Amino acid sequence: MTGLIEYLLANPIFLLPLLLLAATMLYAVLKKLLKLAAIVVIAGVLYSVLIEYFGVGI
């Protein structure tokens, strides 16, 4: 493992695509998490409005 890291650090031409791939994957995961968080917040607000509308209360 150490040899692979040393090889990549010695040859940045191979390191750049790996870093770009890792950044792209991290961006995709964060984008999905933010989308999921937005859906949860919207669902929570709609649930609260629905409960208040029917008068059950929280």
C-alpha atoms as a PDB file:
ATOM      1  CA  MET A   1       0.000   0.000   0.000  1.00  0.00           C
ATOM      2  CA  THR A   2       2.818   2.377   0.846  1.00  0.00           C
ATOM      3  CA  GLY A   3       4.476   1.597  -2.479  1.00  0.00           C
ATOM      4  CA  LEU A   4       1.314   2.538  -4.345  1.00  0.00           C
ATOM      5  CA  ILE A   5       1.040   5.858  -2.491  1.00  0.00           C
ATOM      6  CA  GLU A   6       4.694   6.635  -3.157  1.00  0.00           C
ATOM      7  CA  TYR A   7       4.231   5.766  -6.830  1.00  0.00           C
ATOM      8  CA  LEU A   8       1.209   8.065  -7.144  1.00  0.00           C
ATOM      9  CA  LEU A   9       2.991  10.904  -5.368  1.00  0.00           C
ATOM     10  CA  ALA A  10       5.997  10.471  -7.644  1.00  0.00           C
ATOM     11  CA  ASN A  11       3.765  10.499 -10.762  1.00  0.00           C
ATOM     12  CA  PRO A  12       1.085  13.187 -10.382  1.00  0.00           C
ATOM     13  CA  ILE A  13      -0.239  12.428 -13.877  1.00  0.00           C
ATOM     14  CA  PHE A  14      -1.816   9.271 -12.384  1.00  0.00           C
ATOM     15  CA  LEU A  15      -2.844  10.985  -9.164  1.00  0.00           C
ATOM     16  CA  LEU A  16      -4.967  13.691 -10.817  1.00  0.00           C
ATOM     17  CA  PRO A  17      -7.608  11.366 -12.359  1.00  0.00           C
ATOM     18  CA  LEU A  18      -7.965   9.503  -9.069  1.00  0.00           C
ATOM     19  CA  LEU A  19      -8.469  12.746  -7.177  1.00  0.00           C
ATOM     20  CA  LEU A  20     -11.015  13.936  -9.735  1.00  0.00           C
ATOM     21  CA  LEU A  21     -12.877  10.639  -9.449  1.00  0.00           C
ATOM     22  CA  ALA A  22     -12.913  10.860  -5.650  1.00  0.00           C
ATOM     23  CA  ALA A  23     -14.132  14.465  -5.771  1.00  0.00           C
ATOM     24  CA  THR A  24     -16.900  13.541  -8.215  1.00  0.00           C
ATOM     25  CA  MET A  25     -18.051  10.673  -6.013  1.00  0.00           C
ATOM     26  CA  LEU A  26     -18.008  12.878  -2.915  1.00  0.00           C
ATOM     27  CA  TYR A  27     -20.023  15.541  -4.743  1.00  0.00           C
ATOM     28  CA  ALA A  28     -22.597  12.953  -5.847  1.00  0.00           C
ATOM     29  CA  VAL A  29     -23.014  11.606  -2.314  1.00  0.00           C
ATOM     30  CA  LEU A  30     -23.368  15.086  -0.815  1.00  0.00           C
ATOM     31  CA  LYS A  31     -25.874  16.052  -3.508  1.00  0.00           C
ATOM     32  CA  LYS A  32     -28.020  13.006  -2.720  1.00  0.00           C
ATOM     33  CA  LEU A  33     -27.831  13.696   1.014  1.00  0.00           C
ATOM     34  CA  LEU A  34     -28.883  17.318   0.530  1.00  0.00           C
ATOM     35  CA  LYS A  35     -31.767  16.247  -1.693  1.00  0.00           C
ATOM     36  CA  LEU A  36     -32.879  13.707   0.925  1.00  0.00           C
ATOM     37  CA  ALA A  37     -32.649  16.330   3.680  1.00  0.00           C
ATOM     38  CA  ALA A  38     -34.766  18.740   1.624  1.00  0.00           C
ATOM     39  CA  ILE A  39     -37.424  16.065   1.084  1.00  0.00           C
ATOM     40  CA  VAL A  40     -37.490  15.242   4.804  1.00  0.00           C
ATOM     41  CA  VAL A  41     -37.871  18.926   5.715  1.00  0.00           C
ATOM     42  CA  ILE A  42     -40.678  19.432   3.183  1.00  0.00           C
ATOM     43  CA  ALA A  43     -42.458  16.291   4.410  1.00  0.00           C
ATOM     44  CA  GLY A  44     -42.136  17.469   8.012  1.00  0.00           C
ATOM     45  CA  VAL A  45     -43.564  20.885   7.218  1.00  0.00           C
ATOM     46  CA  LEU A  46     -46.447  19.373   5.259  1.00  0.00           C
ATOM     47  CA  TYR A  47     -47.158  16.945   8.108  1.00  0.00           C
ATOM     48  CA  SER A  48     -47.193  19.789  10.638  1.00  0.00           C
ATOM     49  CA  VAL A  49     -49.533  21.849   8.446  1.00  0.00           C
ATOM     50  CA  LEU A  50     -51.829  18.855   7.996  1.00  0.00           C
ATOM     51  CA  ILE A  51     -51.963  18.169  11.738  1.00  0.00           C
ATOM     52  CA  GLU A  52     -52.693  21.815  12.486  1.00  0.00           C
ATOM     53  CA  TYR A  53     -55.351  21.976   9.766  1.00  0.00           C
ATOM     54  CA  PHE A  54     -57.295  19.037  11.203  1.00  0.00           C
ATOM     55  CA  GLY A  55     -56.873  20.377  14.725  1.00  0.00           C
ATOM     56  CA  VAL A  56     -55.257  17.327  16.293  1.00  0.00           C
ATOM     57  CA  GLY A  57     -52.238  19.309  17.468  1.00  0.00           C
ATOM     58  CA  ILE A  58     -48.718  18.089  18.033  1.00  0.00           C
END
